[in-house]
Amino acid sequence: MKKGMFLLLILGLCGCAATNNVMYTKNPRCTNVKEMRVFQVVKGGALATISGREPIVAYLPNSDRYALYDGAKIKRSQNECIVYDGVYKYMTSGDNSSVTKYMVSGKETNRVEYSANEKQKTVPIVKFEKRWLDME
C-alpha cells in the first residue's frame, strides 16, 4: 500500500513538472559568428571585420549593448547570436576608404555628390538576436 501511494505521489509530481516546461527552438537566422572587430566608426554605427576563412566586412548599427570605437572587439553572449539583417551600401573616396555616402536597406540616408574616384561598396548589416526562441 505504501509503495502504491509513493508511486502515485511520484507520478503526480512528474505530471505537474511536465506542464511547466517551455519548449525552445534554435533561431534559424543564427550564424556561427562569435565576435567582430570594429575598424571604422561611421554615422549610425560602425564597419567591422568578421574573422573566418575569408574575413567579411559588415555594418553594425549603434546600440546601448556595446560601445563602438576603432579597434573595439564586439562579442556575443552565450544566449545570443549574430544574424544578417539587410544591406548597407556606402561610397568610399580615393584610397583612404572614408565613408562619404551610405544607404541602409536601400533607403538613402545621407546625400553627397559623387566624384569620379568614389567606389560603391555593399556589406551585410548584422545585429544580435536571441539564440533560442520560445515555441508557442
C-alpha atoms as a PDB file:
ATOM      1  CA  MET A   1       0.000   0.000   0.000  1.00  0.00           C
ATOM      2  CA  LYS A   2       2.835   2.393   0.873  1.00  0.00           C
ATOM      3  CA  LYS A   3       4.555   1.611  -2.432  1.00  0.00           C
ATOM      4  CA  GLY A   4       1.354   2.381  -4.325  1.00  0.00           C
ATOM      5  CA  MET A   5       0.915   5.739  -2.552  1.00  0.00           C
ATOM      6  CA  PHE A   6       4.582   6.593  -3.135  1.00  0.00           C
ATOM      7  CA  LEU A   7       4.291   5.709  -6.839  1.00  0.00           C
ATOM      8  CA  LEU A   8       1.112   7.783  -7.145  1.00  0.00           C
ATOM      9  CA  LEU A   9       2.856  10.747  -5.488  1.00  0.00           C
ATOM     10  CA  ILE A  10       5.868  10.485  -7.833  1.00  0.00           C
ATOM     11  CA  LEU A  11       3.638  10.282 -10.945  1.00  0.00           C
ATOM     12  CA  GLY A  12       1.661  13.299  -9.746  1.00  0.00           C
ATOM     13  CA  LEU A  13       4.827  15.343  -9.239  1.00  0.00           C
ATOM     14  CA  CYS A  14       6.159  14.366 -12.646  1.00  0.00           C
ATOM     15  CA  GLY A  15       2.884  15.364 -14.286  1.00  0.00           C
ATOM     16  CA  CYS A  16       2.960  18.795 -12.621  1.00  0.00           C
ATOM     17  CA  ALA A  17       6.572  19.397 -13.603  1.00  0.00           C
ATOM     18  CA  ALA A  18       5.927  18.439 -17.222  1.00  0.00           C
ATOM     19  CA  THR A  19       3.136  21.000 -17.616  1.00  0.00           C
ATOM     20  CA  ASN A  20       5.506  23.872 -16.693  1.00  0.00           C
ATOM     21  CA  ASN A  21       8.131  23.041 -19.323  1.00  0.00           C
ATOM     22  CA  VAL A  22       8.657  25.593 -22.088  1.00  0.00           C
ATOM     23  CA  MET A  23       9.777  24.306 -25.457  1.00  0.00           C
ATOM     24  CA  TYR A  24      12.537  26.190 -27.285  1.00  0.00           C
ATOM     25  CA  THR A  25      13.821  26.013 -30.823  1.00  0.00           C
ATOM     26  CA  LYS A  26      17.091  27.310 -32.235  1.00  0.00           C
ATOM     27  CA  ASN A  27      16.773  30.613 -34.070  1.00  0.00           C
ATOM     28  CA  PRO A  28      17.083  29.682 -37.783  1.00  0.00           C
ATOM     29  CA  ARG A  29      18.650  33.081 -38.637  1.00  0.00           C
ATOM     30  CA  CYS A  30      21.684  32.498 -36.368  1.00  0.00           C
ATOM     31  CA  THR A  31      25.175  32.449 -37.854  1.00  0.00           C
ATOM     32  CA  ASN A  32      28.341  30.916 -36.394  1.00  0.00           C
ATOM     33  CA  VAL A  33      29.862  34.378 -35.846  1.00  0.00           C
ATOM     34  CA  LYS A  34      31.161  34.826 -32.298  1.00  0.00           C
ATOM     35  CA  GLU A  35      32.886  38.209 -32.479  1.00  0.00           C
ATOM     36  CA  MET A  36      33.683  41.185 -34.689  1.00  0.00           C
ATOM     37  CA  ARG A  37      36.390  43.851 -34.633  1.00  0.00           C
ATOM     38  CA  VAL A  38      35.474  47.459 -35.455  1.00  0.00           C
ATOM     39  CA  PHE A  39      37.826  49.183 -37.884  1.00  0.00           C
ATOM     40  CA  GLN A  40      35.860  52.357 -38.711  1.00  0.00           C
ATOM     41  CA  VAL A  41      33.102  54.175 -36.844  1.00  0.00           C
ATOM     42  CA  VAL A  42      30.579  55.790 -39.214  1.00  0.00           C
ATOM     43  CA  LYS A  43      27.359  57.738 -38.767  1.00  0.00           C
ATOM     44  CA  GLY A  44      24.784  55.449 -37.137  1.00  0.00           C
ATOM     45  CA  GLY A  45      27.136  52.533 -36.450  1.00  0.00           C
ATOM     46  CA  ALA A  46      30.467  51.024 -37.446  1.00  0.00           C
ATOM     47  CA  LEU A  47      32.164  48.891 -40.064  1.00  0.00           C
ATOM     48  CA  ALA A  48      33.554  45.719 -38.523  1.00  0.00           C
ATOM     49  CA  THR A  49      35.517  42.689 -39.682  1.00  0.00           C
ATOM     50  CA  ILE A  50      34.141  39.214 -39.038  1.00  0.00           C
ATOM     51  CA  SER A  51      37.003  36.713 -38.835  1.00  0.00           C
ATOM     52  CA  GLY A  52      36.857  33.429 -40.678  1.00  0.00           C
ATOM     53  CA  ARG A  53      38.420  31.612 -43.607  1.00  0.00           C
ATOM     54  CA  GLU A  54      37.598  34.685 -45.661  1.00  0.00           C
ATOM     55  CA  PRO A  55      37.152  37.796 -43.488  1.00  0.00           C
ATOM     56  CA  ILE A  56      33.859  39.625 -44.074  1.00  0.00           C
ATOM     57  CA  VAL A  57      33.208  43.335 -43.606  1.00  0.00           C
ATOM     58  CA  ALA A  58      29.812  44.078 -42.016  1.00  0.00           C
ATOM     59  CA  TYR A  59      27.873  47.099 -40.746  1.00  0.00           C
ATOM     60  CA  LEU A  60      26.999  47.073 -37.034  1.00  0.00           C
ATOM     61  CA  PRO A  61      24.307  49.623 -36.043  1.00  0.00           C
ATOM     62  CA  ASN A  62      24.626  51.691 -32.840  1.00  0.00           C
ATOM     63  CA  SER A  63      23.267  50.037 -29.701  1.00  0.00           C
ATOM     64  CA  ASP A  64      23.257  50.550 -25.930  1.00  0.00           C
ATOM     65  CA  ARG A  65      24.578  46.966 -25.682  1.00  0.00           C
ATOM     66  CA  TYR A  66      28.136  47.860 -26.776  1.00  0.00           C
ATOM     67  CA  ALA A  67      30.468  50.825 -27.287  1.00  0.00           C
ATOM     68  CA  LEU A  68      31.704  51.410 -30.824  1.00  0.00           C
ATOM     69  CA  TYR A  69      35.242  52.717 -31.323  1.00  0.00           C
ATOM     70  CA  ASP A  70      38.093  51.849 -33.692  1.00  0.00           C
ATOM     71  CA  GLY A  71      39.623  48.539 -32.616  1.00  0.00           C
ATOM     72  CA  ALA A  72      36.678  47.526 -30.361  1.00  0.00           C
ATOM     73  CA  LYS A  73      36.095  43.780 -30.113  1.00  0.00           C
ATOM     74  CA  ILE A  74      32.335  43.044 -30.048  1.00  0.00           C
ATOM     75  CA  LYS A  75      31.400  39.561 -28.741  1.00  0.00           C
ATOM     76  CA  ARG A  76      28.055  37.834 -28.473  1.00  0.00           C
ATOM     77  CA  SER A  77      26.876  36.323 -25.188  1.00  0.00           C
ATOM     78  CA  GLN A  78      26.010  32.635 -24.660  1.00  0.00           C
ATOM     79  CA  ASN A  79      22.271  33.169 -25.199  1.00  0.00           C
ATOM     80  CA  GLU A  80      22.664  35.445 -28.253  1.00  0.00           C
ATOM     81  CA  CYS A  81      23.588  35.004 -31.864  1.00  0.00           C
ATOM     82  CA  ILE A  82      24.527  37.330 -34.682  1.00  0.00           C
ATOM     83  CA  VAL A  83      22.203  37.474 -37.704  1.00  0.00           C
ATOM     84  CA  TYR A  84      22.390  39.181 -41.079  1.00  0.00           C
ATOM     85  CA  ASP A  85      19.633  41.792 -41.360  1.00  0.00           C
ATOM     86  CA  GLY A  86      19.785  43.779 -44.577  1.00  0.00           C
ATOM     87  CA  VAL A  87      22.338  45.517 -46.754  1.00  0.00           C
ATOM     88  CA  TYR A  88      24.465  48.589 -46.053  1.00  0.00           C
ATOM     89  CA  LYS A  89      25.799  50.487 -49.082  1.00  0.00           C
ATOM     90  CA  TYR A  90      28.420  53.199 -48.844  1.00  0.00           C
ATOM     91  CA  MET A  91      30.735  55.193 -51.049  1.00  0.00           C
ATOM     92  CA  THR A  92      34.460  55.440 -50.448  1.00  0.00           C
ATOM     93  CA  SER A  93      36.598  58.273 -51.706  1.00  0.00           C
ATOM     94  CA  GLY A  94      40.099  57.732 -53.026  1.00  0.00           C
ATOM     95  CA  ASP A  95      42.433  55.271 -51.368  1.00  0.00           C
ATOM     96  CA  ASN A  96      41.655  56.149 -47.738  1.00  0.00           C
ATOM     97  CA  SER A  97      38.197  54.456 -47.727  1.00  0.00           C
ATOM     98  CA  SER A  98      36.411  57.198 -45.796  1.00  0.00           C
ATOM     99  CA  VAL A  99      32.625  56.922 -45.982  1.00  0.00           C
ATOM    100  CA  THR A 100      31.096  59.774 -47.984  1.00  0.00           C
ATOM    101  CA  LYS A 101      27.589  58.401 -48.603  1.00  0.00           C
ATOM    102  CA  TYR A 102      25.654  55.500 -47.199  1.00  0.00           C
ATOM    103  CA  MET A 103      22.364  53.639 -47.645  1.00  0.00           C
ATOM    104  CA  VAL A 104      20.656  51.263 -45.245  1.00  0.00           C
ATOM    105  CA  SER A 105      18.438  48.553 -46.770  1.00  0.00           C
ATOM    106  CA  GLY A 106      18.009  50.531 -49.986  1.00  0.00           C
ATOM    107  CA  LYS A 107      16.935  53.810 -48.321  1.00  0.00           C
ATOM    108  CA  GLU A 108      19.343  56.676 -48.884  1.00  0.00           C
ATOM    109  CA  THR A 109      20.130  58.377 -45.576  1.00  0.00           C
ATOM    110  CA  ASN A 110      22.866  60.886 -46.459  1.00  0.00           C
ATOM    111  CA  ARG A 111      23.214  62.666 -49.815  1.00  0.00           C
ATOM    112  CA  VAL A 112      26.643  63.714 -51.052  1.00  0.00           C
ATOM    113  CA  GLU A 113      27.765  64.483 -54.614  1.00  0.00           C
ATOM    114  CA  TYR A 114      29.595  61.655 -56.393  1.00  0.00           C
ATOM    115  CA  SER A 115      33.055  62.128 -57.820  1.00  0.00           C
ATOM    116  CA  ALA A 116      34.997  60.036 -60.325  1.00  0.00           C
ATOM    117  CA  ASN A 117      37.302  58.486 -57.709  1.00  0.00           C
ATOM    118  CA  GLU A 118      34.481  57.195 -55.442  1.00  0.00           C
ATOM    119  CA  LYS A 119      33.653  53.487 -55.266  1.00  0.00           C
ATOM    120  CA  GLN A 120      30.408  51.955 -54.036  1.00  0.00           C
ATOM    121  CA  LYS A 121      30.664  49.095 -51.559  1.00  0.00           C
ATOM    122  CA  THR A 122      27.924  46.828 -50.215  1.00  0.00           C
ATOM    123  CA  VAL A 123      28.174  44.901 -46.934  1.00  0.00           C
ATOM    124  CA  PRO A 124      25.686  42.966 -44.774  1.00  0.00           C
ATOM    125  CA  ILE A 125      24.048  44.585 -41.738  1.00  0.00           C
ATOM    126  CA  VAL A 126      24.440  42.449 -38.609  1.00  0.00           C
ATOM    127  CA  LYS A 127      22.527  42.513 -35.325  1.00  0.00           C
ATOM    128  CA  PHE A 128      22.133  40.476 -32.154  1.00  0.00           C
ATOM    129  CA  GLU A 129      19.102  38.218 -31.551  1.00  0.00           C
ATOM    130  CA  LYS A 130      18.123  35.511 -29.063  1.00  0.00           C
ATOM    131  CA  ARG A 131      19.747  32.159 -29.842  1.00  0.00           C
ATOM    132  CA  TRP A 132      16.726  30.174 -28.600  1.00  0.00           C
ATOM    133  CA  LEU A 133      13.110  31.095 -29.400  1.00  0.00           C
ATOM    134  CA  ASP A 134      10.001  30.112 -27.408  1.00  0.00           C
ATOM    135  CA  MET A 135       7.738  27.665 -29.251  1.00  0.00           C
ATOM    136  CA  GLU A 136       4.141  28.701 -28.698  1.00  0.00           C
END
